[in-house]
PDB file of N, CA and C in Angstrom:
ATOM      1  N   MET A   1     -20.135   4.499 -14.966  1.00  0.00           N
ATOM      2  CA  MET A   1     -18.840   3.960 -15.301  1.00  0.00           C
ATOM      3  C   MET A   1     -19.027   2.545 -15.846  1.00  0.00           C
ATOM      4  N   ASN A   2     -18.342   2.255 -16.931  1.00  0.00           N
ATOM      5  CA  ASN A   2     -18.517   0.939 -17.554  1.00  0.00           C
ATOM      6  C   ASN A   2     -17.710  -0.140 -16.814  1.00  0.00           C
ATOM      7  N   LYS A   3     -17.969  -1.389 -17.168  1.00  0.00           N
ATOM      8  CA  LYS A   3     -17.340  -2.532 -16.497  1.00  0.00           C
ATOM      9  C   LYS A   3     -15.823  -2.504 -16.638  1.00  0.00           C
ATOM     10  N   LYS A   4     -15.363  -2.099 -17.797  1.00  0.00           N
ATOM     11  CA  LYS A   4     -13.921  -2.075 -18.040  1.00  0.00           C
ATOM     12  C   LYS A   4     -13.223  -1.088 -17.097  1.00  0.00           C
ATOM     13  N   LYS A   5     -13.808   0.079 -16.898  1.00  0.00           N
ATOM     14  CA  LYS A   5     -13.236   1.087 -15.997  1.00  0.00           C
ATOM     15  C   LYS A   5     -13.291   0.605 -14.548  1.00  0.00           C
ATOM     16  N   LYS A   6     -14.401  -0.026 -14.168  1.00  0.00           N
ATOM     17  CA  LYS A   6     -14.514  -0.567 -12.813  1.00  0.00           C
ATOM     18  C   LYS A   6     -13.459  -1.648 -12.569  1.00  0.00           C
ATOM     19  N   ALA A   7     -13.256  -2.493 -13.563  1.00  0.00           N
ATOM     20  CA  ALA A   7     -12.243  -3.546 -13.442  1.00  0.00           C
ATOM     21  C   ALA A   7     -10.846  -2.940 -13.326  1.00  0.00           C
ATOM     22  N   GLU A   8     -10.591  -1.882 -14.065  1.00  0.00           N
ATOM     23  CA  GLU A   8      -9.289  -1.210 -13.994  1.00  0.00           C
ATOM     24  C   GLU A   8      -9.093  -0.582 -12.612  1.00  0.00           C
ATOM     25  N   LEU A   9     -10.123   0.007 -12.045  1.00  0.00           N
ATOM     26  CA  LEU A   9     -10.022   0.558 -10.689  1.00  0.00           C
ATOM     27  C   LEU A   9      -9.709  -0.545  -9.677  1.00  0.00           C
ATOM     28  N   ARG A  10     -10.362  -1.686  -9.822  1.00  0.00           N
ATOM     29  CA  ARG A  10     -10.096  -2.810  -8.910  1.00  0.00           C
ATOM     30  C   ARG A  10      -8.656  -3.295  -9.064  1.00  0.00           C
ATOM     31  N   ARG A  11      -8.168  -3.350 -10.287  1.00  0.00           N
ATOM     32  CA  ARG A  11      -6.789  -3.773 -10.543  1.00  0.00           C
ATOM     33  C   ARG A  11      -5.806  -2.799  -9.899  1.00  0.00           C
ATOM     34  N   LEU A  12      -6.055  -1.508 -10.066  1.00  0.00           N
ATOM     35  CA  LEU A  12      -5.181  -0.493  -9.483  1.00  0.00           C
ATOM     36  C   LEU A  12      -5.229  -0.531  -7.955  1.00  0.00           C
ATOM     37  N   ALA A  13      -6.414  -0.737  -7.402  1.00  0.00           N
ATOM     38  CA  ALA A  13      -6.556  -0.826  -5.941  1.00  0.00           C
ATOM     39  C   ALA A  13      -5.749  -2.006  -5.406  1.00  0.00           C
ATOM     40  N   GLU A  14      -5.798  -3.120  -6.096  1.00  0.00           N
ATOM     41  CA  GLU A  14      -5.021  -4.302  -5.696  1.00  0.00           C
ATOM     42  C   GLU A  14      -3.518  -4.024  -5.832  1.00  0.00           C
ATOM     43  N   LEU A  15      -3.146  -3.299  -6.866  1.00  0.00           N
ATOM     44  CA  LEU A  15      -1.745  -2.935  -7.069  1.00  0.00           C
ATOM     45  C   LEU A  15      -1.241  -2.062  -5.915  1.00  0.00           C
ATOM     46  N   VAL A  16      -2.058  -1.138  -5.456  1.00  0.00           N
ATOM     47  CA  VAL A  16      -1.696  -0.296  -4.312  1.00  0.00           C
ATOM     48  C   VAL A  16      -1.429  -1.180  -3.096  1.00  0.00           C
ATOM     49  N   TYR A  17      -2.336  -2.094  -2.823  1.00  0.00           N
ATOM     50  CA  TYR A  17      -2.188  -3.002  -1.681  1.00  0.00           C
ATOM     51  C   TYR A  17      -0.904  -3.812  -1.791  1.00  0.00           C
ATOM     52  N   GLU A  18      -0.681  -4.404  -2.951  1.00  0.00           N
ATOM     53  CA  GLU A  18       0.511  -5.234  -3.165  1.00  0.00           C
ATOM     54  C   GLU A  18       1.800  -4.424  -3.017  1.00  0.00           C
ATOM     55  N   ARG A  19       1.814  -3.222  -3.545  1.00  0.00           N
ATOM     56  CA  ARG A  19       3.020  -2.397  -3.446  1.00  0.00           C
ATOM     57  C   ARG A  19       3.288  -1.956  -2.018  1.00  0.00           C
ATOM     58  N   GLU A  20       2.232  -1.547  -1.327  1.00  0.00           N
ATOM     59  CA  GLU A  20       2.422  -1.131   0.067  1.00  0.00           C
ATOM     60  C   GLU A  20       2.931  -2.295   0.914  1.00  0.00           C
ATOM     61  N   LEU A  21       2.282  -3.428   0.778  1.00  0.00           N
ATOM     62  CA  LEU A  21       2.699  -4.604   1.532  1.00  0.00           C
ATOM     63  C   LEU A  21       4.102  -5.029   1.128  1.00  0.00           C
ATOM     64  N   GLY A  22       4.380  -4.999  -0.156  1.00  0.00           N
ATOM     65  CA  GLY A  22       5.706  -5.369  -0.656  1.00  0.00           C
ATOM     66  C   GLY A  22       6.807  -4.496  -0.098  1.00  0.00           C
ATOM     67  N   HIS A  23       6.522  -3.211   0.053  1.00  0.00           N
ATOM     68  CA  HIS A  23       7.502  -2.290   0.633  1.00  0.00           C
ATOM     69  C   HIS A  23       7.911  -2.753   2.028  1.00  0.00           C
ATOM     70  N   TRP A  24       6.940  -3.075   2.848  1.00  0.00           N
ATOM     71  CA  TRP A  24       7.226  -3.494   4.221  1.00  0.00           C
ATOM     72  C   TRP A  24       7.823  -4.890   4.271  1.00  0.00           C
ATOM     73  N   LEU A  25       7.384  -5.780   3.383  1.00  0.00           N
ATOM     74  CA  LEU A  25       7.957  -7.122   3.358  1.00  0.00           C
ATOM     75  C   LEU A  25       9.424  -7.086   2.935  1.00  0.00           C
ATOM     76  N   ALA A  26       9.784  -6.179   2.047  1.00  0.00           N
ATOM     77  CA  ALA A  26      11.183  -6.039   1.640  1.00  0.00           C
ATOM     78  C   ALA A  26      12.045  -5.644   2.838  1.00  0.00           C
ATOM     79  N   GLN A  27      11.505  -4.773   3.692  1.00  0.00           N
ATOM     80  CA  GLN A  27      12.255  -4.401   4.894  1.00  0.00           C
ATOM     81  C   GLN A  27      12.397  -5.598   5.835  1.00  0.00           C
ATOM     82  N   LEU A  28      11.338  -6.374   5.960  1.00  0.00           N
ATOM     83  CA  LEU A  28      11.399  -7.568   6.799  1.00  0.00           C
ATOM     84  C   LEU A  28      12.384  -8.577   6.212  1.00  0.00           C
ATOM     85  N   ASP A  29      12.412  -8.676   4.901  1.00  0.00           N
ATOM     86  CA  ASP A  29      13.325  -9.604   4.233  1.00  0.00           C
ATOM     87  C   ASP A  29      14.782  -9.286   4.570  1.00  0.00           C
ATOM     88  N   HIS A  30      15.074  -8.024   4.779  1.00  0.00           N
ATOM     89  CA  HIS A  30      16.422  -7.614   5.180  1.00  0.00           C
ATOM     90  C   HIS A  30      16.844  -8.356   6.452  1.00  0.00           C
ATOM     91  N   TYR A  31      15.937  -8.470   7.403  1.00  0.00           N
ATOM     92  CA  TYR A  31      16.243  -9.161   8.660  1.00  0.00           C
ATOM     93  C   TYR A  31      16.372 -10.665   8.453  1.00  0.00           C
ATOM     94  N   PHE A  32      15.589 -11.220   7.544  1.00  0.00           N
ATOM     95  CA  PHE A  32      15.755 -12.640   7.222  1.00  0.00           C
ATOM     96  C   PHE A  32      17.157 -12.892   6.660  1.00  0.00           C
ATOM     97  N   GLY A  33      17.618 -11.998   5.803  1.00  0.00           N
ATOM     98  CA  GLY A  33      18.967 -12.130   5.251  1.00  0.00           C
ATOM     99  C   GLY A  33      20.028 -12.067   6.334  1.00  0.00           C
ATOM    100  N   ARG A  34      19.866 -11.144   7.258  1.00  0.00           N
ATOM    101  CA  ARG A  34      20.820 -11.032   8.368  1.00  0.00           C
ATOM    102  C   ARG A  34      20.810 -12.294   9.225  1.00  0.00           C
ATOM    103  N   TRP A  35      19.625 -12.843   9.434  1.00  0.00           N
ATOM    104  CA  TRP A  35      19.516 -14.078  10.221  1.00  0.00           C
ATOM    105  C   TRP A  35      20.199 -15.246   9.492  1.00  0.00           C
ATOM    106  N   ARG A  36      19.941 -15.365   8.172  1.00  0.00           N
ATOM    107  CA  ARG A  36      20.562 -16.443   7.396  1.00  0.00           C
ATOM    108  C   ARG A  36      22.088 -16.341   7.399  1.00  0.00           C
ATOM    109  N   ARG A  37      22.609 -15.121   7.436  1.00  0.00           N
ATOM    110  CA  ARG A  37      24.065 -14.924   7.451  1.00  0.00           C
ATOM    111  C   ARG A  37      24.644 -15.043   8.864  1.00  0.00           C
ATOM    112  N   GLY A  38      23.799 -15.299   9.841  1.00  0.00           N
ATOM    113  CA  GLY A  38      24.261 -15.459  11.210  1.00  0.00           C
ATOM    114  C   GLY A  38      24.550 -14.146  11.917  1.00  0.00           C
ATOM    115  N   GLU A  39      24.047 -13.040  11.379  1.00  0.00           N
ATOM    116  CA  GLU A  39      24.306 -11.726  11.973  1.00  0.00           C
ATOM    117  C   GLU A  39      23.377 -11.405  13.141  1.00  0.00           C
ATOM    118  N   ILE A  40      22.206 -12.019  13.150  1.00  0.00           N
ATOM    119  CA  ILE A  40      21.272 -11.817  14.261  1.00  0.00           C
ATOM    120  C   ILE A  40      20.711 -13.182  14.666  1.00  0.00           C
ATOM    121  N   PRO A  41      20.349 -13.329  15.936  1.00  0.00           N
ATOM    122  CA  PRO A  41      19.764 -14.598  16.376  1.00  0.00           C
ATOM    123  C   PRO A  41      18.295 -14.716  15.948  1.00  0.00           C
ATOM    124  N   ALA A  42      17.799 -15.927  15.988  1.00  0.00           N
ATOM    125  CA  ALA A  42      16.401 -16.191  15.631  1.00  0.00           C
ATOM    126  C   ALA A  42      15.442 -15.374  16.496  1.00  0.00           C
ATOM    127  N   SER A  43      15.794 -15.165  17.756  1.00  0.00           N
ATOM    128  CA  SER A  43      14.915 -14.401  18.647  1.00  0.00           C
ATOM    129  C   SER A  43      14.753 -12.955  18.168  1.00  0.00           C
ATOM    130  N   GLU A  44      15.825 -12.363  17.628  1.00  0.00           N
ATOM    131  CA  GLU A  44      15.716 -10.996  17.111  1.00  0.00           C
ATOM    132  C   GLU A  44      14.879 -10.970  15.830  1.00  0.00           C
ATOM    133  N   LEU A  45      15.092 -11.966  14.976  1.00  0.00           N
ATOM    134  CA  LEU A  45      14.274 -12.062  13.767  1.00  0.00           C
ATOM    135  C   LEU A  45      12.805 -12.208  14.147  1.00  0.00           C
ATOM    136  N   SER A  46      12.526 -13.028  15.121  1.00  0.00           N
ATOM    137  CA  SER A  46      11.150 -13.226  15.575  1.00  0.00           C
ATOM    138  C   SER A  46      10.542 -11.914  16.051  1.00  0.00           C
ATOM    139  N   GLU A  47      11.321 -11.105  16.724  1.00  0.00           N
ATOM    140  CA  GLU A  47      10.833  -9.798  17.191  1.00  0.00           C
ATOM    141  C   GLU A  47      10.495  -8.893  16.015  1.00  0.00           C
ATOM    142  N   HIS A  48      11.325  -8.907  14.982  1.00  0.00           N
ATOM    143  CA  HIS A  48      11.050  -8.098  13.792  1.00  0.00           C
ATOM    144  C   HIS A  48       9.778  -8.580  13.082  1.00  0.00           C
ATOM    145  N   ILE A  49       9.600  -9.890  13.030  1.00  0.00           N
ATOM    146  CA  ILE A  49       8.381 -10.446  12.432  1.00  0.00           C
ATOM    147  C   ILE A  49       7.164  -9.982  13.225  1.00  0.00           C
ATOM    148  N   HIS A  50       7.264 -10.041  14.546  1.00  0.00           N
ATOM    149  CA  HIS A  50       6.167  -9.604  15.410  1.00  0.00           C
ATOM    150  C   HIS A  50       5.865  -8.116  15.191  1.00  0.00           C
ATOM    151  N   GLU A  51       6.902  -7.292  15.135  1.00  0.00           N
ATOM    152  CA  GLU A  51       6.715  -5.849  14.904  1.00  0.00           C
ATOM    153  C   GLU A  51       6.060  -5.595  13.554  1.00  0.00           C
ATOM    154  N   TYR A  52       6.473  -6.352  12.536  1.00  0.00           N
ATOM    155  CA  TYR A  52       5.869  -6.205  11.211  1.00  0.00           C
ATOM    156  C   TYR A  52       4.383  -6.550  11.276  1.00  0.00           C
ATOM    157  N   HIS A  53       4.076  -7.655  11.930  1.00  0.00           N
ATOM    158  CA  HIS A  53       2.684  -8.100  11.995  1.00  0.00           C
ATOM    159  C   HIS A  53       1.809  -7.126  12.774  1.00  0.00           C
ATOM    160  N   GLN A  54       2.319  -6.620  13.875  1.00  0.00           N
ATOM    161  CA  GLN A  54       1.540  -5.706  14.712  1.00  0.00           C
ATOM    162  C   GLN A  54       1.472  -4.292  14.142  1.00  0.00           C
ATOM    163  N   GLY A  55       2.445  -3.914  13.340  1.00  0.00           N
ATOM    164  CA  GLY A  55       2.514  -2.551  12.818  1.00  0.00           C
ATOM    165  C   GLY A  55       2.126  -2.445  11.354  1.00  0.00           C
ATOM    166  N   PRO A  56       3.114  -2.491  10.465  1.00  0.00           N
ATOM    167  CA  PRO A  56       2.854  -2.245   9.046  1.00  0.00           C
ATOM    168  C   PRO A  56       1.801  -3.165   8.412  1.00  0.00           C
ATOM    169  N   ALA A  57       1.862  -4.457   8.697  1.00  0.00           N
ATOM    170  CA  ALA A  57       0.894  -5.377   8.076  1.00  0.00           C
ATOM    171  C   ALA A  57      -0.527  -5.017   8.486  1.00  0.00           C
ATOM    172  N   ARG A  58      -0.703  -4.714   9.745  1.00  0.00           N
ATOM    173  CA  ARG A  58      -2.029  -4.339  10.238  1.00  0.00           C
ATOM    174  C   ARG A  58      -2.490  -3.008   9.655  1.00  0.00           C
ATOM    175  N   TYR A  59      -1.568  -2.058   9.592  1.00  0.00           N
ATOM    176  CA  TYR A  59      -1.903  -0.738   9.074  1.00  0.00           C
ATOM    177  C   TYR A  59      -2.335  -0.823   7.600  1.00  0.00           C
ATOM    178  N   VAL A  60      -1.557  -1.524   6.794  1.00  0.00           N
ATOM    179  CA  VAL A  60      -1.886  -1.637   5.365  1.00  0.00           C
ATOM    180  C   VAL A  60      -3.228  -2.336   5.207  1.00  0.00           C
ATOM    181  N   TRP A  61      -3.426  -3.425   5.922  1.00  0.00           N
ATOM    182  CA  TRP A  61      -4.690  -4.157   5.823  1.00  0.00           C
ATOM    183  C   TRP A  61      -5.856  -3.269   6.254  1.00  0.00           C
ATOM    184  N   SER A  62      -5.713  -2.559   7.376  1.00  0.00           N
ATOM    185  CA  SER A  62      -6.831  -1.741   7.868  1.00  0.00           C
ATOM    186  C   SER A  62      -7.143  -0.587   6.915  1.00  0.00           C
ATOM    187  N   GLN A  63      -6.127  -0.007   6.299  1.00  0.00           N
ATOM    188  CA  GLN A  63      -6.362   1.058   5.322  1.00  0.00           C
ATOM    189  C   GLN A  63      -7.220   0.546   4.168  1.00  0.00           C
ATOM    190  N   HIS A  64      -6.910  -0.635   3.699  1.00  0.00           N
ATOM    191  CA  HIS A  64      -7.625  -1.161   2.544  1.00  0.00           C
ATOM    192  C   HIS A  64      -9.006  -1.687   2.896  1.00  0.00           C
ATOM    193  N   VAL A  65      -9.208  -2.044   4.144  1.00  0.00           N
ATOM    194  CA  VAL A  65     -10.546  -2.442   4.591  1.00  0.00           C
ATOM    195  C   VAL A  65     -11.392  -1.190   4.823  1.00  0.00           C
ATOM    196  N   ARG A  66     -10.782  -0.187   5.444  1.00  0.00           N
ATOM    197  CA  ARG A  66     -11.492   1.062   5.749  1.00  0.00           C
ATOM    198  C   ARG A  66     -11.928   1.772   4.471  1.00  0.00           C
ATOM    199  N   LEU A  67     -11.051   1.771   3.472  1.00  0.00           N
ATOM    200  CA  LEU A  67     -11.383   2.396   2.192  1.00  0.00           C
ATOM    201  C   LEU A  67     -12.067   1.335   1.329  1.00  0.00           C
ATOM    202  N   LYS A  68     -13.360   1.254   1.439  1.00  0.00           N
ATOM    203  CA  LYS A  68     -14.122   0.161   0.845  1.00  0.00           C
ATOM    204  C   LYS A  68     -14.165   0.167  -0.681  1.00  0.00           C
ATOM    205  N   HIS A  69     -14.174   1.326  -1.274  1.00  0.00           N
ATOM    206  CA  HIS A  69     -14.343   1.410  -2.720  1.00  0.00           C
ATOM    207  C   HIS A  69     -12.987   1.515  -3.422  1.00  0.00           C
ATOM    208  N   PRO A  70     -12.828   0.810  -4.530  1.00  0.00           N
ATOM    209  CA  PRO A  70     -11.554   0.840  -5.252  1.00  0.00           C
ATOM    210  C   PRO A  70     -11.070   2.249  -5.598  1.00  0.00           C
ATOM    211  N   ASP A  71     -11.993   3.146  -5.946  1.00  0.00           N
ATOM    212  CA  ASP A  71     -11.543   4.503  -6.285  1.00  0.00           C
ATOM    213  C   ASP A  71     -10.908   5.199  -5.084  1.00  0.00           C
ATOM    214  N   GLN A  72     -11.397   4.904  -3.874  1.00  0.00           N
ATOM    215  CA  GLN A  72     -10.794   5.476  -2.669  1.00  0.00           C
ATOM    216  C   GLN A  72      -9.388   4.923  -2.452  1.00  0.00           C
ATOM    217  N   ARG A  73      -9.234   3.623  -2.674  1.00  0.00           N
ATOM    218  CA  ARG A  73      -7.919   3.006  -2.478  1.00  0.00           C
ATOM    219  C   ARG A  73      -6.927   3.492  -3.531  1.00  0.00           C
ATOM    220  N   VAL A  74      -7.397   3.720  -4.738  1.00  0.00           N
ATOM    221  CA  VAL A  74      -6.529   4.263  -5.789  1.00  0.00           C
ATOM    222  C   VAL A  74      -6.132   5.694  -5.439  1.00  0.00           C
ATOM    223  N   ALA A  75      -7.071   6.481  -4.964  1.00  0.00           N
ATOM    224  CA  ALA A  75      -6.771   7.855  -4.545  1.00  0.00           C
ATOM    225  C   ALA A  75      -5.756   7.856  -3.406  1.00  0.00           C
ATOM    226  N   TRP A  76      -5.918   6.954  -2.457  1.00  0.00           N
ATOM    227  CA  TRP A  76      -4.971   6.823  -1.349  1.00  0.00           C
ATOM    228  C   TRP A  76      -3.576   6.495  -1.886  1.00  0.00           C
ATOM    229  N   GLY A  77      -3.511   5.522  -2.791  1.00  0.00           N
ATOM    230  CA  GLY A  77      -2.226   5.136  -3.368  1.00  0.00           C
ATOM    231  C   GLY A  77      -1.564   6.269  -4.123  1.00  0.00           C
ATOM    232  N   LEU A  78      -2.351   7.043  -4.813  1.00  0.00           N
ATOM    233  CA  LEU A  78      -1.839   8.208  -5.536  1.00  0.00           C
ATOM    234  C   LEU A  78      -1.302   9.242  -4.548  1.00  0.00           C
ATOM    235  N   ALA A  79      -2.043   9.492  -3.492  1.00  0.00           N
ATOM    236  CA  ALA A  79      -1.634  10.479  -2.486  1.00  0.00           C
ATOM    237  C   ALA A  79      -0.362  10.052  -1.758  1.00  0.00           C
ATOM    238  N   GLN A  80      -0.200   8.760  -1.556  1.00  0.00           N
ATOM    239  CA  GLN A  80       0.961   8.251  -0.827  1.00  0.00           C
ATOM    240  C   GLN A  80       2.177   8.025  -1.730  1.00  0.00           C
ATOM    241  N   GLY A  81       1.988   8.218  -3.026  1.00  0.00           N
ATOM    242  CA  GLY A  81       3.103   8.004  -3.950  1.00  0.00           C
ATOM    243  C   GLY A  81       3.312   6.548  -4.327  1.00  0.00           C
ATOM    244  N   VAL A  82       2.348   5.712  -3.984  1.00  0.00           N
ATOM    245  CA  VAL A  82       2.421   4.294  -4.329  1.00  0.00           C
ATOM    246  C   VAL A  82       2.106   4.100  -5.807  1.00  0.00           C
ATOM    247  N   LEU A  83       1.215   4.920  -6.313  1.00  0.00           N
ATOM    248  CA  LEU A  83       0.888   4.955  -7.742  1.00  0.00           C
ATOM    249  C   LEU A  83       1.340   6.295  -8.304  1.00  0.00           C
ATOM    250  N   ASP A  84       1.734   6.272  -9.545  1.00  0.00           N
ATOM    251  CA  ASP A  84       2.088   7.492 -10.249  1.00  0.00           C
ATOM    252  C   ASP A  84       0.927   7.848 -11.175  1.00  0.00           C
ATOM    253  N   GLU A  85       0.719   9.128 -11.375  1.00  0.00           N
ATOM    254  CA  GLU A  85      -0.371   9.570 -12.253  1.00  0.00           C
ATOM    255  C   GLU A  85      -0.288   8.942 -13.639  1.00  0.00           C
ATOM    256  N   THR A  86       0.929   8.676 -14.113  1.00  0.00           N
ATOM    257  CA  THR A  86       1.099   8.112 -15.453  1.00  0.00           C
ATOM    258  C   THR A  86       0.587   6.676 -15.561  1.00  0.00           C
ATOM    259  N   GLU A  87       0.363   6.024 -14.412  1.00  0.00           N
ATOM    260  CA  GLU A  87      -0.130   4.644 -14.418  1.00  0.00           C
ATOM    261  C   GLU A  87      -1.652   4.572 -14.484  1.00  0.00           C
ATOM    262  N   ILE A  88      -2.297   5.715 -14.382  1.00  0.00           N
ATOM    263  CA  ILE A  88      -3.750   5.748 -14.279  1.00  0.00           C
ATOM    264  C   ILE A  88      -4.347   6.359 -15.538  1.00  0.00           C
ATOM    265  N   ASP A  89      -5.322   5.692 -16.078  1.00  0.00           N
ATOM    266  CA  ASP A  89      -6.063   6.186 -17.233  1.00  0.00           C
ATOM    267  C   ASP A  89      -6.544   7.610 -16.932  1.00  0.00           C
ATOM    268  N   PRO A  90      -6.394   8.544 -17.871  1.00  0.00           N
ATOM    269  CA  PRO A  90      -6.779   9.944 -17.618  1.00  0.00           C
ATOM    270  C   PRO A  90      -8.205  10.117 -17.087  1.00  0.00           C
ATOM    271  N   GLU A  91      -9.129   9.337 -17.597  1.00  0.00           N
ATOM    272  CA  GLU A  91     -10.517   9.441 -17.119  1.00  0.00           C
ATOM    273  C   GLU A  91     -10.630   9.006 -15.659  1.00  0.00           C
ATOM    274  N   LEU A  92      -9.922   7.941 -15.302  1.00  0.00           N
ATOM    275  CA  LEU A  92      -9.937   7.481 -13.917  1.00  0.00           C
ATOM    276  C   LEU A  92      -9.155   8.430 -13.010  1.00  0.00           C
ATOM    277  N   LEU A  93      -8.093   8.992 -13.548  1.00  0.00           N
ATOM    278  CA  LEU A  93      -7.315   9.961 -12.785  1.00  0.00           C
ATOM    279  C   LEU A  93      -8.179  11.150 -12.395  1.00  0.00           C
ATOM    280  N   GLU A  94      -8.977  11.604 -13.327  1.00  0.00           N
ATOM    281  CA  GLU A  94      -9.882  12.717 -13.049  1.00  0.00           C
ATOM    282  C   GLU A  94     -10.862  12.346 -11.934  1.00  0.00           C
ATOM    283  N   LEU A  95     -11.293  11.106 -11.925  1.00  0.00           N
ATOM    284  CA  LEU A  95     -12.238  10.623 -10.925  1.00  0.00           C
ATOM    285  C   LEU A  95     -11.630  10.608  -9.518  1.00  0.00           C
ATOM    286  N   VAL A  96     -10.340  10.263  -9.404  1.00  0.00           N
ATOM    287  CA  VAL A  96      -9.733  10.090  -8.081  1.00  0.00           C
ATOM    288  C   VAL A  96      -8.900  11.288  -7.624  1.00  0.00           C
ATOM    289  N   GLN A  97      -8.644  12.230  -8.500  1.00  0.00           N
ATOM    290  CA  GLN A  97      -7.743  13.341  -8.205  1.00  0.00           C
ATOM    291  C   GLN A  97      -8.162  14.154  -6.968  1.00  0.00           C
ATOM    292  N   GLU A  98      -9.429  14.478  -6.882  1.00  0.00           N
ATOM    293  CA  GLU A  98      -9.913  15.286  -5.753  1.00  0.00           C
ATOM    294  C   GLU A  98      -9.739  14.545  -4.431  1.00  0.00           C
ATOM    295  N   SER A  99     -10.092  13.266  -4.410  1.00  0.00           N
ATOM    296  CA  SER A  99      -9.927  12.464  -3.189  1.00  0.00           C
ATOM    297  C   SER A  99      -8.457  12.330  -2.827  1.00  0.00           C
ATOM    298  N   ALA A 100      -7.611  12.181  -3.834  1.00  0.00           N
ATOM    299  CA  ALA A 100      -6.173  12.071  -3.576  1.00  0.00           C
ATOM    300  C   ALA A 100      -5.653  13.339  -2.898  1.00  0.00           C
ATOM    301  N   GLU A 101      -6.152  14.478  -3.337  1.00  0.00           N
ATOM    302  CA  GLU A 101      -5.728  15.743  -2.733  1.00  0.00           C
ATOM    303  C   GLU A 101      -6.164  15.821  -1.274  1.00  0.00           C
ATOM    304  N   VAL A 102      -7.360  15.345  -0.976  1.00  0.00           N
ATOM    305  CA  VAL A 102      -7.838  15.318   0.412  1.00  0.00           C
ATOM    306  C   VAL A 102      -6.930  14.413   1.249  1.00  0.00           C
ATOM    307  N   PHE A 103      -6.588  13.243   0.719  1.00  0.00           N
ATOM    308  CA  PHE A 103      -5.697  12.331   1.440  1.00  0.00           C
ATOM    309  C   PHE A 103      -4.319  12.966   1.659  1.00  0.00           C
ATOM    310  N   ARG A 104      -3.827  13.696   0.673  1.00  0.00           N
ATOM    311  CA  ARG A 104      -2.534  14.383   0.837  1.00  0.00           C
ATOM    312  C   ARG A 104      -2.613  15.399   1.974  1.00  0.00           C
ATOM    313  N   GLU A 105      -3.678  16.160   2.001  1.00  0.00           N
ATOM    314  CA  GLU A 105      -3.858  17.167   3.057  1.00  0.00           C
ATOM    315  C   GLU A 105      -3.957  16.511   4.429  1.00  0.00           C
ATOM    316  N   LEU A 106      -4.698  15.426   4.524  1.00  0.00           N
ATOM    317  CA  LEU A 106      -4.830  14.726   5.805  1.00  0.00           C
ATOM    318  C   LEU A 106      -3.502  14.139   6.249  1.00  0.00           C
ATOM    319  N   SER A 107      -2.709  13.659   5.310  1.00  0.00           N
ATOM    320  CA  SER A 107      -1.409  13.070   5.649  1.00  0.00           C
ATOM    321  C   SER A 107      -0.412  14.101   6.130  1.00  0.00           C
ATOM    322  N   SER A 108      -0.571  15.333   5.691  1.00  0.00           N
ATOM    323  CA  SER A 108       0.380  16.368   6.069  1.00  0.00           C
ATOM    324  C   SER A 108       0.054  17.022   7.403  1.00  0.00           C
ATOM    325  N   GLU A 109      -1.098  16.705   7.950  1.00  0.00           N
ATOM    326  CA  GLU A 109      -1.503  17.309   9.245  1.00  0.00           C
ATOM    327  C   GLU A 109      -0.797  16.644  10.403  1.00  0.00           C
TER     328      GLU A 109
END
């Protein structure tokens, strides 16, 4: 695989991480909005922050650490619906398609 394809895999892997984290941060942001509007106390917001840190933030980080190679992280993102096939170069899609299917099967168990 040439340097350009490797760089594209790294870019896509980073995009998966950013999108996954962004999804959970958007949910956390909802609680910040409620706190700013006076709908919940600071203590409840703090609890949501703690839950985010102990749950989703840790899970997303551990997934991306566990999947060491960018092609694995891209396959994971494809399987989870974080990436769409149309966002991936056809040659790279062919490379990650089989792994993505394995991740889909594991997720459905």
